[in-house]
Amino acid sequence: MKLSVNTLLNETAKNPTGAVVVDGTLDTRHGPILYMEDVSVSFDGFKALNNLSLYIDDGELRCLIGPNGAGKTTLMDVITGKTRPDTGTVFFGQTIDLLSLDEPAIAQAGICRKFQKPSVFDALSVFENLELALKANKSTWKTLFFRLTGEQRDRIDEVLSTIGLLDSFSQRAGILSHGQKQWLEIGMLLMQEPKVMLVDEPIAGMTHQEIERTAELLLSLQGKHSIVVVEHDMAFVRSIARKVTVLHEGSVLTEGTMDEVQADPRVIQVYLGG
């Protein structure tokens, strides 16, 4: 049975030993914010994930690397509810069973995903894109009579500043550079006030300057959010990650700093081409 977020919040609030609710929001600041244990996913006999276990700490910026077919996309699909595992457990904030929620409920609970290709509304301004992404009551009646409050305008300005588009707020999103569109989409995720952000290959197609700015942006967000980045560019991974997880054949091959990972003979053999 799928549980609504409100039901989940109410039930969690009744449990003094589990997560607590502060102003209607789950407090997940204690312990790992996301963990997967013994997760397996098969497609027509092929094991995309094979007894995979992964633990992400609150406020951590983690990079996932691995060759094509290692299971990176399937892992993110499981976390967001797009794919259901054959076996295993997936928990958020220690007490929330993500496998009991559907995709919209998982997003409402605080897990957002950014795909490789930016998805913004080209005909709307940068400001309007962020306004649409605002975490608010989206019922038909509320939407018809929606007016931004001063606090909401301040929040949009704050996000515009964070993503480096404050001076471009009135520009149509369609005329932004590729890198700016990526930052705008990250900003749209931030408007949802996520606890966990899943970011898939954020620097694909970017200029060197845009790559540097993206690294600065992601580093500025850690601590406030838990961020999981899937990326192939090893120089970029080195620039942002304290801890790297290497996937191979649907399992975690090894974890550690970039230096430790690159020195691991198994990684050299299966991924880094040594």
C-alpha atoms as a PDB file:
ATOM      1  CA  MET A   1       0.000   0.000   0.000  1.00  0.00           C
ATOM      2  CA  LYS A   2       1.314   3.464  -0.916  1.00  0.00           C
ATOM      3  CA  LEU A   3       1.372   5.972   1.907  1.00  0.00           C
ATOM      4  CA  SER A   4       0.787   9.685   1.445  1.00  0.00           C
ATOM      5  CA  VAL A   5       3.415  12.084   2.725  1.00  0.00           C
ATOM      6  CA  ASN A   6       0.949  13.593   5.221  1.00  0.00           C
ATOM      7  CA  THR A   7       0.119  10.174   6.630  1.00  0.00           C
ATOM      8  CA  LEU A   8       3.803   9.365   6.853  1.00  0.00           C
ATOM      9  CA  LEU A   9       4.544  12.631   8.649  1.00  0.00           C
ATOM     10  CA  ASN A  10       1.727  12.064  11.121  1.00  0.00           C
ATOM     11  CA  GLU A  11       2.793   8.520  11.886  1.00  0.00           C
ATOM     12  CA  THR A  12       6.421   9.521  12.235  1.00  0.00           C
ATOM     13  CA  ALA A  13       5.533  12.363  14.602  1.00  0.00           C
ATOM     14  CA  LYS A  14       3.858   9.866  16.925  1.00  0.00           C
ATOM     15  CA  ASN A  15       7.064   7.866  17.235  1.00  0.00           C
ATOM     16  CA  PRO A  16       9.398   9.485  19.793  1.00  0.00           C
ATOM     17  CA  THR A  17      12.239   7.118  18.886  1.00  0.00           C
ATOM     18  CA  GLY A  18      12.129   7.892  15.187  1.00  0.00           C
ATOM     19  CA  ALA A  19      12.419  11.048  13.128  1.00  0.00           C
ATOM     20  CA  VAL A  20      10.645  14.113  14.503  1.00  0.00           C
ATOM     21  CA  VAL A  21       8.559  16.687  12.700  1.00  0.00           C
ATOM     22  CA  VAL A  22       9.455  20.362  12.931  1.00  0.00           C
ATOM     23  CA  ASP A  23       6.934  22.804  11.409  1.00  0.00           C
ATOM     24  CA  GLY A  24       5.518  20.010   9.292  1.00  0.00           C
ATOM     25  CA  THR A  25       8.925  18.956   7.984  1.00  0.00           C
ATOM     26  CA  LEU A  26      10.743  15.748   8.772  1.00  0.00           C
ATOM     27  CA  ASP A  27      13.899  16.345  10.801  1.00  0.00           C
ATOM     28  CA  THR A  28      16.464  14.022   9.248  1.00  0.00           C
ATOM     29  CA  ARG A  29      19.607  15.683  10.559  1.00  0.00           C
ATOM     30  CA  HIS A  30      20.720  12.789  12.740  1.00  0.00           C
ATOM     31  CA  GLY A  31      22.587   9.851  11.230  1.00  0.00           C
ATOM     32  CA  PRO A  32      22.659   8.760   7.583  1.00  0.00           C
ATOM     33  CA  ILE A  33      19.937  10.496   5.622  1.00  0.00           C
ATOM     34  CA  LEU A  34      19.753   7.831   2.932  1.00  0.00           C
ATOM     35  CA  TYR A  35      20.659   4.199   2.968  1.00  0.00           C
ATOM     36  CA  MET A  36      20.191   1.213   0.712  1.00  0.00           C
ATOM     37  CA  GLU A  37      20.859  -2.315   1.908  1.00  0.00           C
ATOM     38  CA  ASP A  38      21.187  -5.486  -0.167  1.00  0.00           C
ATOM     39  CA  VAL A  39      19.279  -3.987  -3.100  1.00  0.00           C
ATOM     40  CA  SER A  40      18.955  -6.095  -6.245  1.00  0.00           C
ATOM     41  CA  VAL A  41      17.215  -5.233  -9.516  1.00  0.00           C
ATOM     42  CA  SER A  42      16.954  -7.568 -12.493  1.00  0.00           C
ATOM     43  CA  PHE A  43      15.851  -6.815 -16.047  1.00  0.00           C
ATOM     44  CA  ASP A  44      15.220  -9.916 -18.167  1.00  0.00           C
ATOM     45  CA  GLY A  45      17.776 -11.894 -16.197  1.00  0.00           C
ATOM     46  CA  PHE A  46      20.400  -9.122 -16.147  1.00  0.00           C
ATOM     47  CA  LYS A  47      21.230  -7.885 -12.638  1.00  0.00           C
ATOM     48  CA  ALA A  48      21.415  -4.111 -12.902  1.00  0.00           C
ATOM     49  CA  LEU A  49      21.934  -3.947  -9.129  1.00  0.00           C
ATOM     50  CA  ASN A  50      23.392  -6.877  -7.241  1.00  0.00           C
ATOM     51  CA  ASN A  51      23.020  -6.831  -3.436  1.00  0.00           C
ATOM     52  CA  LEU A  52      24.095  -3.197  -3.414  1.00  0.00           C
ATOM     53  CA  SER A  53      24.459  -1.334  -0.112  1.00  0.00           C
ATOM     54  CA  LEU A  54      25.053   2.424   0.010  1.00  0.00           C
ATOM     55  CA  TYR A  55      24.958   4.948   2.857  1.00  0.00           C
ATOM     56  CA  ILE A  56      24.810   8.738   2.382  1.00  0.00           C
ATOM     57  CA  ASP A  57      25.337  11.029   5.378  1.00  0.00           C
ATOM     58  CA  ASP A  58      23.262  14.127   6.049  1.00  0.00           C
ATOM     59  CA  GLY A  59      24.838  17.121   4.301  1.00  0.00           C
ATOM     60  CA  GLU A  60      27.356  14.996   2.394  1.00  0.00           C
ATOM     61  CA  LEU A  61      28.428  15.528  -1.208  1.00  0.00           C
ATOM     62  CA  ARG A  62      29.100  12.069  -2.655  1.00  0.00           C
ATOM     63  CA  CYS A  63      30.258  11.224  -6.175  1.00  0.00           C
ATOM     64  CA  LEU A  64      29.317   7.966  -7.895  1.00  0.00           C
ATOM     65  CA  ILE A  65      31.511   6.707 -10.712  1.00  0.00           C
ATOM     66  CA  GLY A  66      31.663   3.510 -12.703  1.00  0.00           C
ATOM     67  CA  PRO A  67      31.706   2.192 -16.262  1.00  0.00           C
ATOM     68  CA  ASN A  68      28.590   2.112 -18.414  1.00  0.00           C
ATOM     69  CA  GLY A  69      26.244  -0.559 -17.120  1.00  0.00           C
ATOM     70  CA  ALA A  70      27.619  -0.361 -13.573  1.00  0.00           C
ATOM     71  CA  GLY A  71      24.182   0.429 -12.157  1.00  0.00           C
ATOM     72  CA  LYS A  72      24.381   4.202 -11.549  1.00  0.00           C
ATOM     73  CA  THR A  73      21.145   5.109 -13.313  1.00  0.00           C
ATOM     74  CA  THR A  74      19.246   2.160 -11.851  1.00  0.00           C
ATOM     75  CA  LEU A  75      20.417   3.140  -8.366  1.00  0.00           C
ATOM     76  CA  MET A  76      18.977   6.633  -8.812  1.00  0.00           C
ATOM     77  CA  ASP A  77      15.792   5.170 -10.299  1.00  0.00           C
ATOM     78  CA  VAL A  78      15.322   3.059  -7.165  1.00  0.00           C
ATOM     79  CA  ILE A  79      15.871   6.003  -4.807  1.00  0.00           C
ATOM     80  CA  THR A  80      13.292   8.123  -6.641  1.00  0.00           C
ATOM     81  CA  GLY A  81      10.712   5.349  -6.963  1.00  0.00           C
ATOM     82  CA  LYS A  82      10.925   4.953 -10.737  1.00  0.00           C
ATOM     83  CA  THR A  83      12.170   1.374 -10.377  1.00  0.00           C
ATOM     84  CA  ARG A  84      11.169  -1.097  -7.680  1.00  0.00           C
ATOM     85  CA  PRO A  85      13.893  -3.488  -6.507  1.00  0.00           C
ATOM     86  CA  ASP A  86      13.420  -7.235  -6.401  1.00  0.00           C
ATOM     87  CA  THR A  87      14.970  -7.397  -2.931  1.00  0.00           C
ATOM     88  CA  GLY A  88      16.489  -5.038  -0.377  1.00  0.00           C
ATOM     89  CA  THR A  89      15.544  -1.991   1.683  1.00  0.00           C
ATOM     90  CA  VAL A  90      15.787   1.736   0.959  1.00  0.00           C
ATOM     91  CA  PHE A  91      15.317   4.202   3.802  1.00  0.00           C
ATOM     92  CA  PHE A  92      15.288   7.993   4.043  1.00  0.00           C
ATOM     93  CA  GLY A  93      15.878   9.782   7.336  1.00  0.00           C
ATOM     94  CA  GLN A  94      16.296   6.441   9.132  1.00  0.00           C
ATOM     95  CA  THR A  95      12.566   5.762   9.477  1.00  0.00           C
ATOM     96  CA  ILE A  96      10.970   6.375   6.072  1.00  0.00           C
ATOM     97  CA  ASP A  97      10.680   3.311   3.881  1.00  0.00           C
ATOM     98  CA  LEU A  98      10.991   4.752   0.379  1.00  0.00           C
ATOM     99  CA  LEU A  99       9.693   1.525  -1.106  1.00  0.00           C
ATOM    100  CA  SER A 100       6.297   2.334   0.427  1.00  0.00           C
ATOM    101  CA  LEU A 101       6.047   5.633  -1.479  1.00  0.00           C
ATOM    102  CA  ASP A 102       5.379   6.479  -5.117  1.00  0.00           C
ATOM    103  CA  GLU A 103       7.463   8.942  -7.157  1.00  0.00           C
ATOM    104  CA  PRO A 104       5.485  12.143  -6.316  1.00  0.00           C
ATOM    105  CA  ALA A 105       5.457  11.303  -2.606  1.00  0.00           C
ATOM    106  CA  ILE A 106       9.215  10.697  -2.608  1.00  0.00           C
ATOM    107  CA  ALA A 107       9.743  14.092  -4.254  1.00  0.00           C
ATOM    108  CA  GLN A 108       7.451  15.752  -1.709  1.00  0.00           C
ATOM    109  CA  ALA A 109       9.333  14.068   1.103  1.00  0.00           C
ATOM    110  CA  GLY A 110      12.513  15.856   0.045  1.00  0.00           C
ATOM    111  CA  ILE A 111      14.354  13.843  -2.637  1.00  0.00           C
ATOM    112  CA  CYS A 112      14.817  15.613  -5.974  1.00  0.00           C
ATOM    113  CA  ARG A 113      16.585  14.521  -9.132  1.00  0.00           C
ATOM    114  CA  LYS A 114      18.291  16.434 -11.919  1.00  0.00           C
ATOM    115  CA  PHE A 115      18.799  14.593 -15.182  1.00  0.00           C
ATOM    116  CA  GLN A 116      21.729  15.146 -17.533  1.00  0.00           C
ATOM    117  CA  LYS A 117      19.745  17.192 -20.067  1.00  0.00           C
ATOM    118  CA  PRO A 118      18.396  20.413 -18.540  1.00  0.00           C
ATOM    119  CA  SER A 119      14.603  20.646 -18.482  1.00  0.00           C
ATOM    120  CA  VAL A 120      13.520  24.260 -18.168  1.00  0.00           C
ATOM    121  CA  PHE A 121      10.648  26.259 -19.653  1.00  0.00           C
ATOM    122  CA  ASP A 122      12.372  28.059 -22.533  1.00  0.00           C
ATOM    123  CA  ALA A 123       9.535  30.533 -23.180  1.00  0.00           C
ATOM    124  CA  LEU A 124       9.473  31.740 -19.557  1.00  0.00           C
ATOM    125  CA  SER A 125      11.921  34.007 -17.789  1.00  0.00           C
ATOM    126  CA  VAL A 126      14.485  32.737 -15.313  1.00  0.00           C
ATOM    127  CA  PHE A 127      12.397  34.239 -12.504  1.00  0.00           C
ATOM    128  CA  GLU A 128       9.197  32.613 -13.770  1.00  0.00           C
ATOM    129  CA  ASN A 129      10.889  29.211 -13.954  1.00  0.00           C
ATOM    130  CA  LEU A 130      11.851  29.489 -10.297  1.00  0.00           C
ATOM    131  CA  GLU A 131       8.398  30.785  -9.393  1.00  0.00           C
ATOM    132  CA  LEU A 132       6.786  27.731 -10.993  1.00  0.00           C
ATOM    133  CA  ALA A 133       9.108  25.455  -9.036  1.00  0.00           C
ATOM    134  CA  LEU A 134       8.256  27.121  -5.734  1.00  0.00           C
ATOM    135  CA  LYS A 135       7.270  24.695  -2.998  1.00  0.00           C
ATOM    136  CA  ALA A 136       3.670  25.730  -2.411  1.00  0.00           C
ATOM    137  CA  ASN A 137       0.085  24.520  -2.511  1.00  0.00           C
ATOM    138  CA  LYS A 138      -0.473  23.667  -6.195  1.00  0.00           C
ATOM    139  CA  SER A 139      -4.223  22.945  -6.020  1.00  0.00           C
ATOM    140  CA  THR A 140      -6.307  24.482  -8.823  1.00  0.00           C
ATOM    141  CA  TRP A 141      -7.992  27.045  -6.556  1.00  0.00           C
ATOM    142  CA  LYS A 142      -4.702  28.135  -4.973  1.00  0.00           C
ATOM    143  CA  THR A 143      -2.986  28.354  -8.365  1.00  0.00           C
ATOM    144  CA  LEU A 144      -5.713  30.571  -9.880  1.00  0.00           C
ATOM    145  CA  PHE A 145      -5.333  33.148  -7.126  1.00  0.00           C
ATOM    146  CA  PHE A 146      -1.659  32.678  -6.357  1.00  0.00           C
ATOM    147  CA  ARG A 147       0.370  35.778  -5.512  1.00  0.00           C
ATOM    148  CA  LEU A 148       3.974  35.756  -4.370  1.00  0.00           C
ATOM    149  CA  THR A 149       4.554  36.810  -0.801  1.00  0.00           C
ATOM    150  CA  GLY A 150       7.507  38.956   0.182  1.00  0.00           C
ATOM    151  CA  GLU A 151       9.114  35.919   1.760  1.00  0.00           C
ATOM    152  CA  GLN A 152       8.709  33.915  -1.433  1.00  0.00           C
ATOM    153  CA  ARG A 153      10.238  36.720  -3.527  1.00  0.00           C
ATOM    154  CA  ASP A 154      13.156  36.840  -1.110  1.00  0.00           C
ATOM    155  CA  ARG A 155      13.560  33.084  -1.492  1.00  0.00           C
ATOM    156  CA  ILE A 156      13.660  33.358  -5.292  1.00  0.00           C
ATOM    157  CA  ASP A 157      16.231  36.168  -5.056  1.00  0.00           C
ATOM    158  CA  GLU A 158      18.303  34.020  -2.707  1.00  0.00           C
ATOM    159  CA  VAL A 159      18.267  31.108  -5.151  1.00  0.00           C
ATOM    160  CA  LEU A 160      19.039  33.430  -8.080  1.00  0.00           C
ATOM    161  CA  SER A 161      22.097  34.635  -6.191  1.00  0.00           C
ATOM    162  CA  THR A 162      23.144  31.088  -5.295  1.00  0.00           C
ATOM    163  CA  ILE A 163      23.018  29.870  -8.900  1.00  0.00           C
ATOM    164  CA  GLY A 164      24.651  33.031 -10.272  1.00  0.00           C
ATOM    165  CA  LEU A 165      21.684  34.232 -12.333  1.00  0.00           C
ATOM    166  CA  LEU A 166      20.542  37.251 -10.325  1.00  0.00           C
ATOM    167  CA  ASP A 167      21.407  39.612 -13.178  1.00  0.00           C
ATOM    168  CA  SER A 168      19.607  37.368 -15.680  1.00  0.00           C
ATOM    169  CA  PHE A 169      16.312  37.021 -13.811  1.00  0.00           C
ATOM    170  CA  SER A 170      14.249  38.644 -16.585  1.00  0.00           C
ATOM    171  CA  GLN A 171      15.864  36.806 -19.499  1.00  0.00           C
ATOM    172  CA  ARG A 172      14.023  34.038 -21.298  1.00  0.00           C
ATOM    173  CA  ALA A 173      15.396  30.689 -20.237  1.00  0.00           C
ATOM    174  CA  GLY A 174      15.641  29.666 -23.889  1.00  0.00           C
ATOM    175  CA  ILE A 175      18.465  32.129 -24.604  1.00  0.00           C
ATOM    176  CA  LEU A 176      20.630  31.055 -21.675  1.00  0.00           C
ATOM    177  CA  SER A 177      23.862  29.182 -22.295  1.00  0.00           C
ATOM    178  CA  HIS A 178      23.900  25.441 -21.704  1.00  0.00           C
ATOM    179  CA  GLY A 179      25.668  25.910 -18.378  1.00  0.00           C
ATOM    180  CA  GLN A 180      23.214  28.582 -17.252  1.00  0.00           C
ATOM    181  CA  LYS A 181      20.305  26.274 -18.041  1.00  0.00           C
ATOM    182  CA  GLN A 182      21.906  23.591 -15.878  1.00  0.00           C
ATOM    183  CA  TRP A 183      22.258  26.073 -13.019  1.00  0.00           C
ATOM    184  CA  LEU A 184      18.662  27.213 -13.477  1.00  0.00           C
ATOM    185  CA  GLU A 185      17.440  23.640 -13.192  1.00  0.00           C
ATOM    186  CA  ILE A 186      19.496  23.197 -10.017  1.00  0.00           C
ATOM    187  CA  GLY A 187      17.821  26.382  -8.795  1.00  0.00           C
ATOM    188  CA  MET A 188      14.408  24.912  -9.589  1.00  0.00           C
ATOM    189  CA  LEU A 189      15.303  21.925  -7.433  1.00  0.00           C
ATOM    190  CA  LEU A 190      16.396  24.261  -4.631  1.00  0.00           C
ATOM    191  CA  MET A 191      12.996  25.952  -4.735  1.00  0.00           C
ATOM    192  CA  GLN A 192      11.569  22.592  -3.638  1.00  0.00           C
ATOM    193  CA  GLU A 193      13.741  22.748  -0.489  1.00  0.00           C
ATOM    194  CA  PRO A 194      15.135  19.236  -0.988  1.00  0.00           C
ATOM    195  CA  LYS A 195      17.042  17.321   1.652  1.00  0.00           C
ATOM    196  CA  VAL A 196      18.647  15.059  -0.966  1.00  0.00           C
ATOM    197  CA  MET A 197      19.618  16.094  -4.502  1.00  0.00           C
ATOM    198  CA  LEU A 198      20.506  13.490  -7.120  1.00  0.00           C
ATOM    199  CA  VAL A 199      22.489  15.112  -9.939  1.00  0.00           C
ATOM    200  CA  ASP A 200      23.256  13.190 -13.127  1.00  0.00           C
ATOM    201  CA  GLU A 201      26.330  14.261 -15.145  1.00  0.00           C
ATOM    202  CA  PRO A 202      25.953  17.998 -14.430  1.00  0.00           C
ATOM    203  CA  ILE A 203      28.902  19.216 -16.540  1.00  0.00           C
ATOM    204  CA  ALA A 204      28.232  17.407 -19.826  1.00  0.00           C
ATOM    205  CA  GLY A 205      28.635  19.913 -22.675  1.00  0.00           C
ATOM    206  CA  MET A 206      29.914  22.747 -20.480  1.00  0.00           C
ATOM    207  CA  THR A 207      32.797  25.108 -21.119  1.00  0.00           C
ATOM    208  CA  HIS A 208      35.794  25.046 -18.772  1.00  0.00           C
ATOM    209  CA  GLN A 209      34.578  28.203 -17.040  1.00  0.00           C
ATOM    210  CA  GLU A 210      31.080  26.745 -16.610  1.00  0.00           C
ATOM    211  CA  ILE A 211      32.572  23.557 -15.152  1.00  0.00           C
ATOM    212  CA  GLU A 212      34.472  25.585 -12.547  1.00  0.00           C
ATOM    213  CA  ARG A 213      31.338  27.518 -11.645  1.00  0.00           C
ATOM    214  CA  THR A 214      29.328  24.290 -11.342  1.00  0.00           C
ATOM    215  CA  ALA A 215      31.923  22.866  -8.953  1.00  0.00           C
ATOM    216  CA  GLU A 216      31.694  26.011  -6.827  1.00  0.00           C
ATOM    217  CA  LEU A 217      27.885  25.806  -6.848  1.00  0.00           C
ATOM    218  CA  LEU A 218      27.723  22.167  -5.736  1.00  0.00           C
ATOM    219  CA  LEU A 219      30.340  22.732  -3.038  1.00  0.00           C
ATOM    220  CA  SER A 220      28.343  25.690  -1.714  1.00  0.00           C
ATOM    221  CA  LEU A 221      25.250  23.488  -1.355  1.00  0.00           C
ATOM    222  CA  GLN A 222      26.810  20.673   0.676  1.00  0.00           C
ATOM    223  CA  GLY A 223      25.956  20.789   4.339  1.00  0.00           C
ATOM    224  CA  LYS A 224      22.576  22.358   3.599  1.00  0.00           C
ATOM    225  CA  HIS A 225      21.674  19.441   1.346  1.00  0.00           C
ATOM    226  CA  SER A 226      22.900  15.907   0.776  1.00  0.00           C
ATOM    227  CA  ILE A 227      24.081  15.708  -2.827  1.00  0.00           C
ATOM    228  CA  VAL A 228      24.771  12.592  -4.882  1.00  0.00           C
ATOM    229  CA  VAL A 229      26.563  13.341  -8.159  1.00  0.00           C
ATOM    230  CA  VAL A 230      26.976  10.824 -10.982  1.00  0.00           C
ATOM    231  CA  GLU A 231      29.841  11.935 -13.211  1.00  0.00           C
ATOM    232  CA  HIS A 232      32.424  10.526 -15.636  1.00  0.00           C
ATOM    233  CA  ASP A 233      34.868  13.455 -15.617  1.00  0.00           C
ATOM    234  CA  MET A 234      37.520  12.426 -13.097  1.00  0.00           C
ATOM    235  CA  ALA A 235      39.056  15.902 -12.828  1.00  0.00           C
ATOM    236  CA  PHE A 236      35.655  17.315 -11.895  1.00  0.00           C
ATOM    237  CA  VAL A 237      35.024  14.518  -9.392  1.00  0.00           C
ATOM    238  CA  ARG A 238      38.378  15.202  -7.766  1.00  0.00           C
ATOM    239  CA  SER A 239      37.540  18.898  -7.473  1.00  0.00           C
ATOM    240  CA  ILE A 240      34.322  18.362  -5.482  1.00  0.00           C
ATOM    241  CA  ALA A 241      34.330  14.986  -3.734  1.00  0.00           C
ATOM    242  CA  ARG A 242      35.719  14.050  -0.359  1.00  0.00           C
ATOM    243  CA  LYS A 243      34.315  10.552  -0.808  1.00  0.00           C
ATOM    244  CA  VAL A 244      33.836   8.622  -4.031  1.00  0.00           C
ATOM    245  CA  THR A 245      31.835   5.428  -4.506  1.00  0.00           C
ATOM    246  CA  VAL A 246      32.791   3.168  -7.417  1.00  0.00           C
ATOM    247  CA  LEU A 247      30.091   0.906  -8.843  1.00  0.00           C
ATOM    248  CA  HIS A 248      30.825  -2.187 -10.907  1.00  0.00           C
ATOM    249  CA  GLU A 249      28.382  -4.815 -12.138  1.00  0.00           C
ATOM    250  CA  GLY A 250      25.625  -3.486  -9.901  1.00  0.00           C
ATOM    251  CA  SER A 251      27.581  -3.484  -6.643  1.00  0.00           C
ATOM    252  CA  VAL A 252      29.819  -1.134  -4.706  1.00  0.00           C
ATOM    253  CA  LEU A 253      33.369  -2.010  -5.714  1.00  0.00           C
ATOM    254  CA  THR A 254      35.103   0.380  -3.334  1.00  0.00           C
ATOM    255  CA  GLU A 255      34.735   3.738  -1.576  1.00  0.00           C
ATOM    256  CA  GLY A 256      37.194   6.356  -0.385  1.00  0.00           C
ATOM    257  CA  THR A 257      38.947   9.556  -1.352  1.00  0.00           C
ATOM    258  CA  MET A 258      39.774  10.105  -4.995  1.00  0.00           C
ATOM    259  CA  ASP A 259      43.416   9.242  -4.318  1.00  0.00           C
ATOM    260  CA  GLU A 260      42.429   5.996  -2.596  1.00  0.00           C
ATOM    261  CA  VAL A 261      40.012   5.054  -5.363  1.00  0.00           C
ATOM    262  CA  GLN A 262      42.469   5.773  -8.164  1.00  0.00           C
ATOM    263  CA  ALA A 263      45.149   3.722  -6.429  1.00  0.00           C
ATOM    264  CA  ASP A 264      42.882   0.681  -5.993  1.00  0.00           C
ATOM    265  CA  PRO A 265      44.020  -2.079  -8.426  1.00  0.00           C
ATOM    266  CA  ARG A 266      40.419  -3.219  -8.914  1.00  0.00           C
ATOM    267  CA  VAL A 267      39.359   0.247 -10.026  1.00  0.00           C
ATOM    268  CA  ILE A 268      42.328   0.545 -12.335  1.00  0.00           C
ATOM    269  CA  GLN A 269      41.387  -2.758 -13.910  1.00  0.00           C
ATOM    270  CA  VAL A 270      37.654  -2.224 -14.412  1.00  0.00           C
ATOM    271  CA  TYR A 271      37.289   1.512 -14.858  1.00  0.00           C
ATOM    272  CA  LEU A 272      40.332   3.723 -15.108  1.00  0.00           C
ATOM    273  CA  GLY A 273      42.037   1.771 -17.862  1.00  0.00           C
ATOM    274  CA  GLY A 274      45.237   0.813 -16.114  1.00  0.00           C
END
